[in-house]
Every structure is written in C-alpha cells, then in structure tokens.
N, C-alpha and C. Protein backbone atom coordinates (compact mmCIF):
# COMPACT_ATOMS: atom_id res chain seq x y z
N MET A 1 6.59 43.34 5.66
CA MET A 1 5.78 42.14 5.38
C MET A 1 6.75 40.92 5.52
N PRO A 2 6.34 39.90 6.26
CA PRO A 2 7.22 38.76 6.42
C PRO A 2 7.45 38.01 5.11
N ARG A 3 8.63 37.39 5.03
CA ARG A 3 8.90 36.55 3.86
C ARG A 3 8.16 35.27 3.87
N HIS A 4 7.56 34.88 2.83
CA HIS A 4 6.82 33.59 2.71
C HIS A 4 7.77 32.39 2.66
N LYS A 5 7.50 31.37 3.36
CA LYS A 5 8.28 30.15 3.30
C LYS A 5 7.93 29.40 2.02
N THR A 6 8.85 28.66 1.55
CA THR A 6 8.60 27.77 0.41
C THR A 6 8.95 26.39 0.82
N LEU A 7 8.28 25.47 0.30
CA LEU A 7 8.42 24.05 0.61
C LEU A 7 8.06 23.28 -0.66
N PRO A 8 8.88 22.34 -1.12
CA PRO A 8 8.54 21.59 -2.30
C PRO A 8 7.20 20.74 -2.02
N ASP A 9 6.54 20.48 -3.15
CA ASP A 9 5.29 19.66 -3.01
C ASP A 9 5.44 18.34 -2.30
N GLU A 10 6.66 17.75 -2.58
CA GLU A 10 6.90 16.37 -1.99
C GLU A 10 6.88 16.52 -0.46
N ALA A 11 7.49 17.60 0.08
CA ALA A 11 7.47 17.72 1.55
C ALA A 11 6.09 18.02 2.08
N VAL A 12 5.35 18.82 1.33
CA VAL A 12 4.01 19.09 1.75
C VAL A 12 3.14 17.88 1.71
N LEU A 13 3.26 17.04 0.65
CA LEU A 13 2.43 15.85 0.54
C LEU A 13 2.93 14.80 1.58
N GLU A 14 4.16 14.83 1.91
CA GLU A 14 4.63 13.89 2.99
C GLU A 14 3.96 14.31 4.30
N ALA A 15 3.86 15.56 4.55
CA ALA A 15 3.20 16.09 5.81
C ALA A 15 1.72 15.71 5.75
N ALA A 16 1.12 15.85 4.55
CA ALA A 16 -0.30 15.48 4.36
C ALA A 16 -0.55 14.02 4.71
N LEU A 17 0.33 13.18 4.21
CA LEU A 17 0.21 11.69 4.44
C LEU A 17 0.40 11.41 5.94
N LYS A 18 1.29 12.03 6.59
CA LYS A 18 1.47 11.88 8.02
C LYS A 18 0.22 12.25 8.74
N LEU A 19 -0.38 13.36 8.38
CA LEU A 19 -1.61 13.76 8.98
C LEU A 19 -2.73 12.75 8.73
N LEU A 20 -2.84 12.23 7.48
CA LEU A 20 -3.84 11.31 7.14
C LEU A 20 -3.69 10.06 7.98
N HIS A 21 -2.42 9.54 8.14
CA HIS A 21 -2.26 8.31 8.87
C HIS A 21 -2.30 8.49 10.36
N SER A 22 -2.00 9.67 10.84
CA SER A 22 -2.04 9.76 12.33
C SER A 22 -3.44 10.20 12.84
N LYS A 23 -4.18 10.96 12.00
CA LYS A 23 -5.46 11.48 12.52
C LYS A 23 -6.73 11.15 11.70
N GLY A 24 -6.44 10.41 10.55
CA GLY A 24 -7.54 10.05 9.63
C GLY A 24 -7.80 11.05 8.55
N PRO A 25 -8.52 10.61 7.56
CA PRO A 25 -8.80 11.43 6.32
C PRO A 25 -9.54 12.75 6.62
N GLU A 26 -10.35 12.78 7.62
CA GLU A 26 -11.15 14.01 7.92
C GLU A 26 -10.25 15.05 8.50
N ALA A 27 -9.08 14.67 9.04
CA ALA A 27 -8.17 15.65 9.63
C ALA A 27 -7.35 16.37 8.62
N LEU A 28 -7.36 15.95 7.40
CA LEU A 28 -6.61 16.62 6.36
C LEU A 28 -7.41 17.89 5.82
N THR A 29 -7.14 19.00 6.49
CA THR A 29 -7.63 20.27 6.09
C THR A 29 -6.54 21.19 5.77
N PHE A 30 -6.78 22.28 5.08
CA PHE A 30 -5.77 23.28 4.83
C PHE A 30 -5.19 23.80 6.11
N ALA A 31 -5.99 24.09 7.11
CA ALA A 31 -5.58 24.67 8.43
C ALA A 31 -4.67 23.61 9.10
N GLY A 32 -5.08 22.36 9.16
CA GLY A 32 -4.30 21.34 9.79
C GLY A 32 -2.99 21.09 9.08
N LEU A 33 -2.95 21.07 7.78
CA LEU A 33 -1.74 20.86 7.05
C LEU A 33 -0.83 22.10 7.12
N ALA A 34 -1.38 23.30 7.19
CA ALA A 34 -0.58 24.51 7.42
C ALA A 34 0.15 24.38 8.67
N GLN A 35 -0.54 24.02 9.72
CA GLN A 35 0.16 23.84 11.03
C GLN A 35 1.22 22.71 10.96
N ALA A 36 0.97 21.64 10.19
CA ALA A 36 1.93 20.54 10.16
C ALA A 36 3.17 20.82 9.36
N CYS A 37 2.97 21.64 8.23
CA CYS A 37 4.14 21.85 7.35
C CYS A 37 4.71 23.29 7.45
N GLY A 38 4.04 24.19 8.09
CA GLY A 38 4.61 25.53 8.25
C GLY A 38 4.25 26.45 7.14
N LEU A 39 3.51 26.08 6.10
CA LEU A 39 3.13 27.07 5.16
C LEU A 39 1.71 27.59 5.53
N ALA A 40 1.39 28.75 4.96
CA ALA A 40 0.14 29.40 5.22
C ALA A 40 -1.03 28.59 4.50
N ALA A 41 -2.19 28.50 5.13
CA ALA A 41 -3.25 27.80 4.53
C ALA A 41 -3.60 28.34 3.23
N ALA A 42 -3.46 29.69 3.03
CA ALA A 42 -3.74 30.28 1.74
C ALA A 42 -2.85 29.85 0.65
N THR A 43 -1.59 29.63 1.02
CA THR A 43 -0.60 29.12 0.08
C THR A 43 -0.94 27.73 -0.42
N LEU A 44 -1.39 26.94 0.54
CA LEU A 44 -1.82 25.56 0.29
C LEU A 44 -3.05 25.47 -0.64
N VAL A 45 -4.01 26.44 -0.37
CA VAL A 45 -5.20 26.57 -1.24
C VAL A 45 -4.79 26.95 -2.64
N GLN A 46 -3.83 27.89 -2.78
CA GLN A 46 -3.34 28.25 -4.15
C GLN A 46 -2.72 27.02 -4.85
N ARG A 47 -1.98 26.22 -4.08
CA ARG A 47 -1.28 25.07 -4.71
C ARG A 47 -2.28 23.94 -5.09
N PHE A 48 -3.24 23.65 -4.28
CA PHE A 48 -4.05 22.52 -4.46
C PHE A 48 -5.51 22.75 -4.86
N GLY A 49 -5.92 24.00 -4.64
CA GLY A 49 -7.29 24.41 -5.08
C GLY A 49 -8.45 24.02 -4.11
N SER A 50 -8.58 22.80 -3.74
CA SER A 50 -9.56 22.32 -2.88
C SER A 50 -9.09 21.12 -1.95
N LYS A 51 -9.90 20.96 -0.94
CA LYS A 51 -9.55 19.85 -0.03
C LYS A 51 -9.58 18.50 -0.76
N VAL A 52 -10.52 18.31 -1.81
CA VAL A 52 -10.57 17.11 -2.54
C VAL A 52 -9.31 16.95 -3.38
N HIS A 53 -8.83 18.04 -4.03
CA HIS A 53 -7.59 17.96 -4.83
C HIS A 53 -6.37 17.72 -4.00
N LEU A 54 -6.39 18.32 -2.77
CA LEU A 54 -5.26 18.07 -1.77
C LEU A 54 -5.21 16.61 -1.36
N LYS A 55 -6.36 16.08 -1.02
CA LYS A 55 -6.36 14.60 -0.62
C LYS A 55 -5.96 13.74 -1.79
N GLN A 56 -6.46 14.06 -2.93
CA GLN A 56 -6.13 13.23 -4.08
C GLN A 56 -4.62 13.28 -4.40
N ALA A 57 -4.09 14.50 -4.30
CA ALA A 57 -2.64 14.64 -4.58
C ALA A 57 -1.82 13.92 -3.53
N ALA A 58 -2.22 13.98 -2.27
CA ALA A 58 -1.53 13.20 -1.24
C ALA A 58 -1.60 11.72 -1.50
N LEU A 59 -2.75 11.18 -1.85
CA LEU A 59 -2.89 9.74 -2.10
C LEU A 59 -2.21 9.35 -3.35
N LEU A 60 -2.22 10.19 -4.41
CA LEU A 60 -1.44 9.84 -5.58
C LEU A 60 0.04 9.80 -5.32
N TYR A 61 0.53 10.63 -4.48
CA TYR A 61 1.95 10.62 -3.92
C TYR A 61 2.16 9.32 -3.24
N ALA A 62 1.21 8.87 -2.41
CA ALA A 62 1.40 7.60 -1.71
C ALA A 62 1.48 6.46 -2.67
N TRP A 63 0.64 6.47 -3.72
CA TRP A 63 0.68 5.44 -4.79
C TRP A 63 1.97 5.48 -5.52
N ASP A 64 2.58 6.63 -5.79
CA ASP A 64 3.89 6.73 -6.36
C ASP A 64 4.96 6.05 -5.50
N ARG A 65 4.87 6.30 -4.24
CA ARG A 65 5.86 5.68 -3.31
C ARG A 65 5.69 4.17 -3.26
N LEU A 66 4.43 3.75 -3.23
CA LEU A 66 4.27 2.24 -3.27
C LEU A 66 4.65 1.61 -4.62
N ASP A 67 4.45 2.30 -5.69
CA ASP A 67 5.04 1.82 -6.97
C ASP A 67 6.54 1.71 -6.95
N GLU A 68 7.19 2.64 -6.45
CA GLU A 68 8.68 2.69 -6.25
C GLU A 68 9.10 1.55 -5.42
N LYS A 69 8.51 1.41 -4.26
CA LYS A 69 8.90 0.39 -3.30
C LYS A 69 8.61 -1.08 -3.96
N THR A 70 7.45 -1.20 -4.60
CA THR A 70 7.18 -2.48 -5.19
C THR A 70 8.22 -2.78 -6.34
N ALA A 71 8.59 -1.77 -7.08
CA ALA A 71 9.65 -2.04 -8.17
C ALA A 71 10.97 -2.43 -7.56
N GLN A 72 11.36 -1.81 -6.43
CA GLN A 72 12.60 -2.12 -5.82
C GLN A 72 12.55 -3.52 -5.24
N LEU A 73 11.55 -3.88 -4.60
CA LEU A 73 11.40 -5.17 -4.00
C LEU A 73 11.26 -6.23 -5.05
N ALA A 74 10.61 -6.00 -6.20
CA ALA A 74 10.49 -6.88 -7.29
C ALA A 74 11.76 -7.13 -7.96
N ALA A 75 12.63 -6.12 -8.09
CA ALA A 75 13.89 -6.34 -8.74
C ALA A 75 14.81 -7.17 -7.96
N ARG A 76 14.62 -7.25 -6.58
CA ARG A 76 15.47 -8.05 -5.62
C ARG A 76 14.91 -9.42 -5.41
N ALA A 77 13.58 -9.62 -5.70
CA ALA A 77 12.88 -10.85 -5.41
C ALA A 77 13.38 -12.00 -6.23
N SER A 78 13.70 -13.14 -5.59
CA SER A 78 14.11 -14.33 -6.45
C SER A 78 12.86 -14.79 -7.12
N ARG A 79 12.94 -15.37 -8.25
CA ARG A 79 11.75 -15.85 -9.02
C ARG A 79 11.44 -17.21 -8.53
N THR A 80 11.05 -17.32 -7.32
CA THR A 80 10.66 -18.47 -6.66
C THR A 80 9.41 -18.26 -5.78
N PRO A 81 8.78 -19.31 -5.31
CA PRO A 81 7.67 -19.01 -4.35
C PRO A 81 8.12 -18.27 -3.09
N GLU A 82 9.29 -18.62 -2.58
CA GLU A 82 9.80 -17.93 -1.41
C GLU A 82 10.04 -16.42 -1.70
N GLY A 83 10.51 -16.17 -2.96
CA GLY A 83 10.71 -14.79 -3.34
C GLY A 83 9.41 -14.03 -3.42
N ALA A 84 8.35 -14.71 -3.82
CA ALA A 84 6.99 -14.08 -3.81
C ALA A 84 6.53 -13.79 -2.40
N ILE A 85 6.74 -14.71 -1.46
CA ILE A 85 6.42 -14.58 -0.05
C ILE A 85 7.23 -13.44 0.52
N ASP A 86 8.50 -13.39 0.28
CA ASP A 86 9.39 -12.36 0.85
C ASP A 86 8.94 -10.95 0.31
N LEU A 87 8.53 -10.87 -0.92
CA LEU A 87 8.09 -9.60 -1.47
C LEU A 87 6.77 -9.10 -0.74
N LEU A 88 5.82 -10.06 -0.55
CA LEU A 88 4.58 -9.67 0.11
C LEU A 88 4.75 -9.39 1.58
N VAL A 89 5.64 -10.12 2.19
CA VAL A 89 6.01 -9.85 3.60
C VAL A 89 6.60 -8.42 3.73
N ALA A 90 7.48 -8.11 2.85
CA ALA A 90 8.10 -6.76 2.87
C ALA A 90 7.09 -5.66 2.64
N LEU A 91 6.16 -5.91 1.78
CA LEU A 91 5.05 -4.88 1.54
C LEU A 91 4.12 -4.79 2.80
N SER A 92 4.04 -5.90 3.54
CA SER A 92 3.20 -5.85 4.72
C SER A 92 3.77 -5.08 5.85
N GLY A 93 5.12 -4.96 5.94
CA GLY A 93 5.80 -4.39 7.03
C GLY A 93 5.42 -2.94 7.26
N ASP A 94 4.94 -2.27 6.22
CA ASP A 94 4.58 -0.81 6.30
C ASP A 94 3.33 -0.62 7.13
N TYR A 95 2.51 -1.63 7.37
CA TYR A 95 1.22 -1.41 8.11
C TYR A 95 1.48 -1.13 9.53
N GLY A 96 2.52 -1.69 10.16
CA GLY A 96 2.73 -1.49 11.61
C GLY A 96 1.81 -2.27 12.45
N GLY A 97 1.37 -1.63 13.54
CA GLY A 97 0.44 -2.36 14.45
C GLY A 97 -1.03 -2.17 14.01
N ILE A 98 -1.86 -2.69 14.88
CA ILE A 98 -3.34 -2.82 14.56
C ILE A 98 -3.92 -1.36 14.45
N GLU A 99 -3.48 -0.38 15.27
CA GLU A 99 -4.09 0.95 15.10
C GLU A 99 -3.66 1.60 13.84
N SER A 100 -2.48 1.41 13.39
CA SER A 100 -1.96 1.91 12.08
C SER A 100 -2.67 1.21 10.95
N TYR A 101 -2.88 -0.09 11.11
CA TYR A 101 -3.57 -0.84 10.04
C TYR A 101 -4.97 -0.36 9.93
N ALA A 102 -5.68 -0.17 11.06
CA ALA A 102 -7.09 0.28 11.05
C ALA A 102 -7.18 1.70 10.35
N GLU A 103 -6.21 2.58 10.72
CA GLU A 103 -6.24 3.84 10.02
C GLU A 103 -6.02 3.76 8.56
N GLY A 104 -5.19 2.77 8.16
CA GLY A 104 -4.94 2.49 6.71
C GLY A 104 -6.15 2.17 6.02
N LEU A 105 -7.06 1.44 6.68
CA LEU A 105 -8.32 1.07 5.99
C LEU A 105 -9.17 2.25 5.78
N LEU A 106 -9.17 3.24 6.64
CA LEU A 106 -9.85 4.49 6.31
C LEU A 106 -9.28 5.18 5.07
N ILE A 107 -7.97 5.17 4.94
CA ILE A 107 -7.37 5.82 3.82
C ILE A 107 -7.67 4.99 2.60
N LEU A 108 -7.70 3.69 2.64
CA LEU A 108 -8.14 2.83 1.48
C LEU A 108 -9.54 3.18 1.09
N ARG A 109 -10.41 3.51 2.00
CA ARG A 109 -11.77 3.97 1.64
C ARG A 109 -11.74 5.17 0.79
N GLU A 110 -10.80 6.10 1.03
CA GLU A 110 -10.69 7.25 0.20
C GLU A 110 -10.21 6.84 -1.19
N ASP A 111 -9.31 5.93 -1.32
CA ASP A 111 -8.88 5.44 -2.60
C ASP A 111 -10.03 4.83 -3.43
N LEU A 112 -10.84 4.10 -2.67
CA LEU A 112 -11.93 3.41 -3.39
C LEU A 112 -13.02 4.41 -3.84
N ARG A 113 -13.16 5.52 -3.25
CA ARG A 113 -14.17 6.50 -3.60
C ARG A 113 -13.76 7.33 -4.76
N ASP A 114 -12.54 7.36 -5.17
CA ASP A 114 -12.07 8.24 -6.20
C ASP A 114 -11.70 7.42 -7.44
N PRO A 115 -12.33 7.67 -8.63
CA PRO A 115 -11.99 6.84 -9.78
C PRO A 115 -10.55 6.90 -10.19
N LEU A 116 -9.89 7.99 -10.07
CA LEU A 116 -8.46 8.10 -10.42
C LEU A 116 -7.62 7.21 -9.47
N LEU A 117 -7.92 7.35 -8.21
CA LEU A 117 -7.10 6.55 -7.22
C LEU A 117 -7.48 5.05 -7.38
N ARG A 118 -8.67 4.72 -7.73
CA ARG A 118 -9.06 3.31 -7.95
C ARG A 118 -8.26 2.82 -9.16
N ALA A 119 -8.09 3.59 -10.17
CA ALA A 119 -7.33 3.21 -11.35
C ALA A 119 -5.85 2.95 -11.01
N ARG A 120 -5.32 3.83 -10.16
CA ARG A 120 -3.96 3.66 -9.67
C ARG A 120 -3.81 2.31 -8.89
N GLY A 121 -4.78 2.02 -8.08
CA GLY A 121 -4.75 0.79 -7.36
C GLY A 121 -4.79 -0.43 -8.29
N ALA A 122 -5.64 -0.34 -9.31
CA ALA A 122 -5.72 -1.42 -10.28
C ALA A 122 -4.42 -1.63 -11.06
N ARG A 123 -3.78 -0.56 -11.41
CA ARG A 123 -2.49 -0.63 -12.12
C ARG A 123 -1.43 -1.30 -11.23
N TRP A 124 -1.35 -0.91 -9.95
CA TRP A 124 -0.42 -1.41 -9.04
C TRP A 124 -0.71 -2.97 -8.86
N ARG A 125 -1.99 -3.37 -8.83
CA ARG A 125 -2.36 -4.77 -8.66
C ARG A 125 -1.84 -5.53 -9.82
N ALA A 126 -1.99 -4.99 -11.08
CA ALA A 126 -1.62 -5.69 -12.27
C ALA A 126 -0.03 -5.89 -12.26
N VAL A 127 0.72 -4.90 -11.85
CA VAL A 127 2.12 -5.00 -11.75
C VAL A 127 2.56 -6.04 -10.70
N LEU A 128 1.93 -6.03 -9.51
CA LEU A 128 2.22 -6.94 -8.51
C LEU A 128 1.94 -8.32 -8.86
N VAL A 129 0.71 -8.56 -9.40
CA VAL A 129 0.33 -9.94 -9.88
C VAL A 129 1.33 -10.35 -10.98
N GLY A 130 1.77 -9.52 -11.88
CA GLY A 130 2.78 -9.97 -12.88
C GLY A 130 4.08 -10.49 -12.24
N VAL A 131 4.50 -9.74 -11.22
CA VAL A 131 5.76 -10.15 -10.44
C VAL A 131 5.51 -11.52 -9.75
N LEU A 132 4.38 -11.66 -9.12
CA LEU A 132 4.01 -12.86 -8.48
C LEU A 132 3.89 -13.97 -9.40
N ASP A 133 3.33 -13.75 -10.62
CA ASP A 133 3.25 -14.87 -11.60
C ASP A 133 4.61 -15.28 -12.02
N ALA A 134 5.58 -14.32 -12.17
CA ALA A 134 7.00 -14.64 -12.57
C ALA A 134 7.67 -15.50 -11.33
N CYS A 135 7.28 -15.15 -10.23
CA CYS A 135 7.93 -15.92 -9.10
C CYS A 135 7.34 -17.28 -9.02
N LEU A 136 6.12 -17.49 -9.42
CA LEU A 136 5.42 -18.76 -9.22
C LEU A 136 5.33 -19.53 -10.53
N ALA A 137 6.04 -19.15 -11.62
CA ALA A 137 5.94 -19.76 -12.92
C ALA A 137 6.15 -21.25 -12.83
N LYS A 138 7.18 -21.72 -12.04
CA LYS A 138 7.42 -23.16 -11.97
C LYS A 138 6.31 -23.92 -11.28
N GLN A 139 5.68 -23.24 -10.31
CA GLN A 139 4.63 -23.85 -9.52
C GLN A 139 3.34 -24.02 -10.39
N SER A 140 3.15 -23.09 -11.36
CA SER A 140 1.84 -23.05 -11.97
C SER A 140 1.68 -24.00 -13.21
N ASP A 141 2.76 -24.65 -13.59
CA ASP A 141 2.65 -25.48 -14.77
C ASP A 141 1.95 -24.81 -15.95
N GLY A 142 2.30 -23.56 -16.12
CA GLY A 142 1.73 -22.79 -17.26
C GLY A 142 0.33 -22.26 -17.05
N GLN A 143 -0.26 -22.60 -15.87
CA GLN A 143 -1.64 -22.21 -15.63
C GLN A 143 -1.63 -20.79 -15.15
N ALA A 144 -2.42 -19.90 -15.76
CA ALA A 144 -2.48 -18.47 -15.42
C ALA A 144 -3.25 -18.29 -14.18
N GLY A 145 -2.93 -17.22 -13.43
CA GLY A 145 -3.75 -16.81 -12.31
C GLY A 145 -3.21 -17.06 -10.95
N LEU A 146 -2.07 -17.77 -10.87
CA LEU A 146 -1.57 -18.14 -9.50
C LEU A 146 -1.17 -16.93 -8.79
N GLY A 147 -0.56 -15.96 -9.52
CA GLY A 147 -0.13 -14.70 -8.90
C GLY A 147 -1.39 -13.96 -8.24
N GLN A 148 -2.51 -13.94 -9.04
CA GLN A 148 -3.72 -13.28 -8.52
C GLN A 148 -4.23 -14.00 -7.25
N LEU A 149 -4.14 -15.29 -7.29
CA LEU A 149 -4.65 -16.06 -6.11
C LEU A 149 -3.75 -15.82 -4.89
N MET A 150 -2.38 -15.65 -5.16
CA MET A 150 -1.55 -15.36 -4.02
C MET A 150 -1.74 -13.97 -3.45
N ALA A 151 -1.96 -13.02 -4.42
CA ALA A 151 -2.29 -11.58 -3.94
C ALA A 151 -3.57 -11.59 -3.17
N SER A 152 -4.54 -12.38 -3.58
CA SER A 152 -5.79 -12.42 -2.85
C SER A 152 -5.63 -13.02 -1.43
N GLN A 153 -4.84 -14.12 -1.44
CA GLN A 153 -4.53 -14.76 -0.12
C GLN A 153 -3.83 -13.74 0.81
N TRP A 154 -2.87 -12.97 0.21
CA TRP A 154 -2.18 -11.96 0.99
C TRP A 154 -3.13 -10.89 1.55
N GLN A 155 -4.06 -10.41 0.71
CA GLN A 155 -5.00 -9.46 1.20
C GLN A 155 -5.91 -10.02 2.32
N GLY A 156 -6.31 -11.26 2.07
CA GLY A 156 -7.11 -11.89 3.10
C GLY A 156 -6.37 -12.11 4.45
N SER A 157 -5.08 -12.47 4.32
CA SER A 157 -4.28 -12.60 5.52
C SER A 157 -4.15 -11.34 6.30
N LEU A 158 -4.00 -10.21 5.56
CA LEU A 158 -3.94 -8.88 6.19
C LEU A 158 -5.23 -8.58 6.94
N ALA A 159 -6.42 -8.82 6.26
CA ALA A 159 -7.67 -8.56 6.88
C ALA A 159 -7.90 -9.46 8.13
N TRP A 160 -7.61 -10.72 8.02
CA TRP A 160 -7.93 -11.59 9.10
C TRP A 160 -6.99 -11.34 10.29
N TRP A 161 -5.74 -10.90 10.07
CA TRP A 161 -4.78 -10.55 11.10
C TRP A 161 -5.37 -9.40 11.95
N GLY A 162 -6.16 -8.41 11.24
CA GLY A 162 -6.72 -7.37 11.95
C GLY A 162 -7.66 -7.71 13.13
N PHE A 163 -8.30 -8.83 12.90
CA PHE A 163 -9.20 -9.32 14.03
C PHE A 163 -8.52 -10.00 15.23
N GLU A 164 -7.36 -10.56 14.91
CA GLU A 164 -6.60 -11.21 15.97
C GLU A 164 -5.06 -11.00 15.80
N PRO A 165 -4.66 -9.80 16.10
CA PRO A 165 -3.22 -9.46 15.86
C PRO A 165 -2.30 -10.08 17.00
N LYS A 166 -2.12 -11.34 17.03
CA LYS A 166 -1.39 -12.11 18.05
C LYS A 166 0.10 -11.91 17.85
N CYS A 167 0.51 -11.70 16.62
CA CYS A 167 1.94 -11.60 16.27
C CYS A 167 2.11 -10.40 15.34
N SER A 168 3.35 -10.14 14.85
CA SER A 168 3.50 -9.11 13.86
C SER A 168 2.78 -9.46 12.61
N ILE A 169 2.38 -8.43 11.89
CA ILE A 169 1.66 -8.65 10.60
C ILE A 169 2.55 -9.35 9.64
N ALA A 170 3.90 -9.02 9.67
CA ALA A 170 4.82 -9.73 8.73
C ALA A 170 4.89 -11.22 9.07
N ASP A 171 4.96 -11.56 10.38
CA ASP A 171 5.00 -13.01 10.76
C ASP A 171 3.75 -13.66 10.30
N GLN A 172 2.55 -13.04 10.47
CA GLN A 172 1.35 -13.67 10.11
C GLN A 172 1.25 -13.88 8.59
N VAL A 173 1.56 -12.85 7.86
CA VAL A 173 1.57 -13.02 6.39
C VAL A 173 2.49 -14.11 5.94
N GLY A 174 3.69 -14.07 6.45
CA GLY A 174 4.64 -15.15 6.06
C GLY A 174 4.18 -16.51 6.34
N CYS A 175 3.57 -16.74 7.53
CA CYS A 175 3.05 -17.99 7.93
C CYS A 175 1.86 -18.40 7.06
N ASP A 176 0.93 -17.47 6.85
CA ASP A 176 -0.23 -17.81 5.96
C ASP A 176 0.16 -18.13 4.52
N LEU A 177 1.06 -17.35 4.00
CA LEU A 177 1.52 -17.56 2.57
C LEU A 177 2.28 -18.88 2.46
N ARG A 178 3.02 -19.22 3.41
CA ARG A 178 3.74 -20.57 3.37
C ARG A 178 2.74 -21.71 3.42
N HIS A 179 1.68 -21.54 4.26
CA HIS A 179 0.62 -22.57 4.29
C HIS A 179 -0.05 -22.64 2.98
N PHE A 180 -0.30 -21.53 2.33
CA PHE A 180 -0.98 -21.48 1.07
C PHE A 180 -0.10 -22.24 0.01
N MET A 181 1.17 -21.91 -0.08
CA MET A 181 2.02 -22.56 -1.02
C MET A 181 2.12 -24.03 -0.76
N ALA A 182 2.22 -24.47 0.53
CA ALA A 182 2.27 -25.85 0.84
C ALA A 182 0.99 -26.59 0.40
N ALA A 183 -0.20 -25.93 0.54
CA ALA A 183 -1.40 -26.58 0.14
C ALA A 183 -1.43 -26.69 -1.46
N LEU A 184 -0.98 -25.74 -2.12
CA LEU A 184 -0.93 -25.78 -3.58
C LEU A 184 0.10 -26.88 -4.00
N GLN A 185 1.22 -26.97 -3.37
CA GLN A 185 2.16 -28.03 -3.67
C GLN A 185 1.56 -29.42 -3.35
N HIS A 186 0.94 -29.52 -2.31
CA HIS A 186 0.32 -30.88 -1.95
C HIS A 186 -0.79 -31.27 -2.99
N ARG A 187 -1.58 -30.23 -3.33
CA ARG A 187 -2.60 -30.51 -4.34
C ARG A 187 -2.01 -30.92 -5.72
N ARG A 188 -0.94 -30.19 -6.00
CA ARG A 188 -0.27 -30.49 -7.32
C ARG A 188 0.38 -31.89 -7.35
N MET A 189 0.93 -32.24 -6.20
CA MET A 189 1.56 -33.63 -6.19
C MET A 189 0.56 -34.71 -6.12
N GLY A 190 -0.67 -34.37 -5.57
CA GLY A 190 -1.73 -35.38 -5.46
C GLY A 190 -2.46 -35.52 -6.70
N ALA A 191 -2.40 -34.55 -7.61
CA ALA A 191 -3.17 -34.62 -8.87
C ALA A 191 -2.66 -35.52 -9.89
C-alpha cells in the first residue's frame, strides 16, 4: 500500500486559492484540488467535508491573508492623506491585470453569498476605515466618515478602472484618490 502524502492545511488552501483565481469558483472541486496539490480527493473530502466547506475555508484563508497584509501596511502608513492613498494603492496592487481583476469579482460573489464570509468582509472594512480615519484626522476637522468616503472612492476607482484599464490599477487608484483629496481640500478651503 503506498504511503499517503501529508500537506498542511495552509498549503492546501493556497492551492485552492490559486485554482479559484486561475479558473474561477466553479473549478474548485475535490478532484481539481487533488490534482493541484497532490493529495487524494478522498483525503480532501475527509479534511473539508464538502465543496461548500472547502470553498469557505479557502476564502476565510484569503481573508486572513488580507487582514495580515492590511495590518502590516497600516503599521507602516503615515497618518496623513498621502499615507491613506499609499495604503490603498498597495492594497490595489494585488489585483493585477484586467483578467485577474475580473476573476476576482467572481470570487467576491462567493464572499457575498456566504454570511460568514460577508461578516469577515464587514470586519475588514471596519478596520480599514478606522486606519483611513486616522490618516485623514487632520483633514476631517473632527467630522466622522471621511475614511468611509475614501474607502468608497477607492472601490469605485477599482470598478471604473475595470471598464477602461488604460494604465496599471495602482496608477489609476493613486490618481483618482489624489483628485478626491484635492477636491476635499478645495471644498474645505472654500467653505
């Protein structure tokens, strides 16, 4: 009887994420993952139980990684508007080109369908907005919500870039967010 391979969950979930990003959510099957990571499909079924639980585990792992990256970037970000922009530009760099971005939207759909994953997204947003609020504190004159507005502007910038990807996503996000901050500054000075 051949010896069974072992692989830590992290490596299996990393392979699952690669499969999700390269071939889409429907490609994440036990057979496909078995081929990608070298474990038997039956072993994967024993670990994760169902395709739904496998997908959820992979996406929770992705949220864990995003939480870690956000924390690292937030710790380095200067507490200035430019620091907020740098943080969001750095978070945007993971999307890659338009094909990768489009595949990411299919994965986002999976997050939105699952209450546990939606809750993870909401927690991440709260942390991100808190960091942005800290970076924009001097701009806001004590008015709450500027971090949420900037996060919303960022998400809009990402979406609009998808229709006309004329430059890198990081360049587009940086340009759009600098225009946003300039408009806020102009409005503040005019008021």
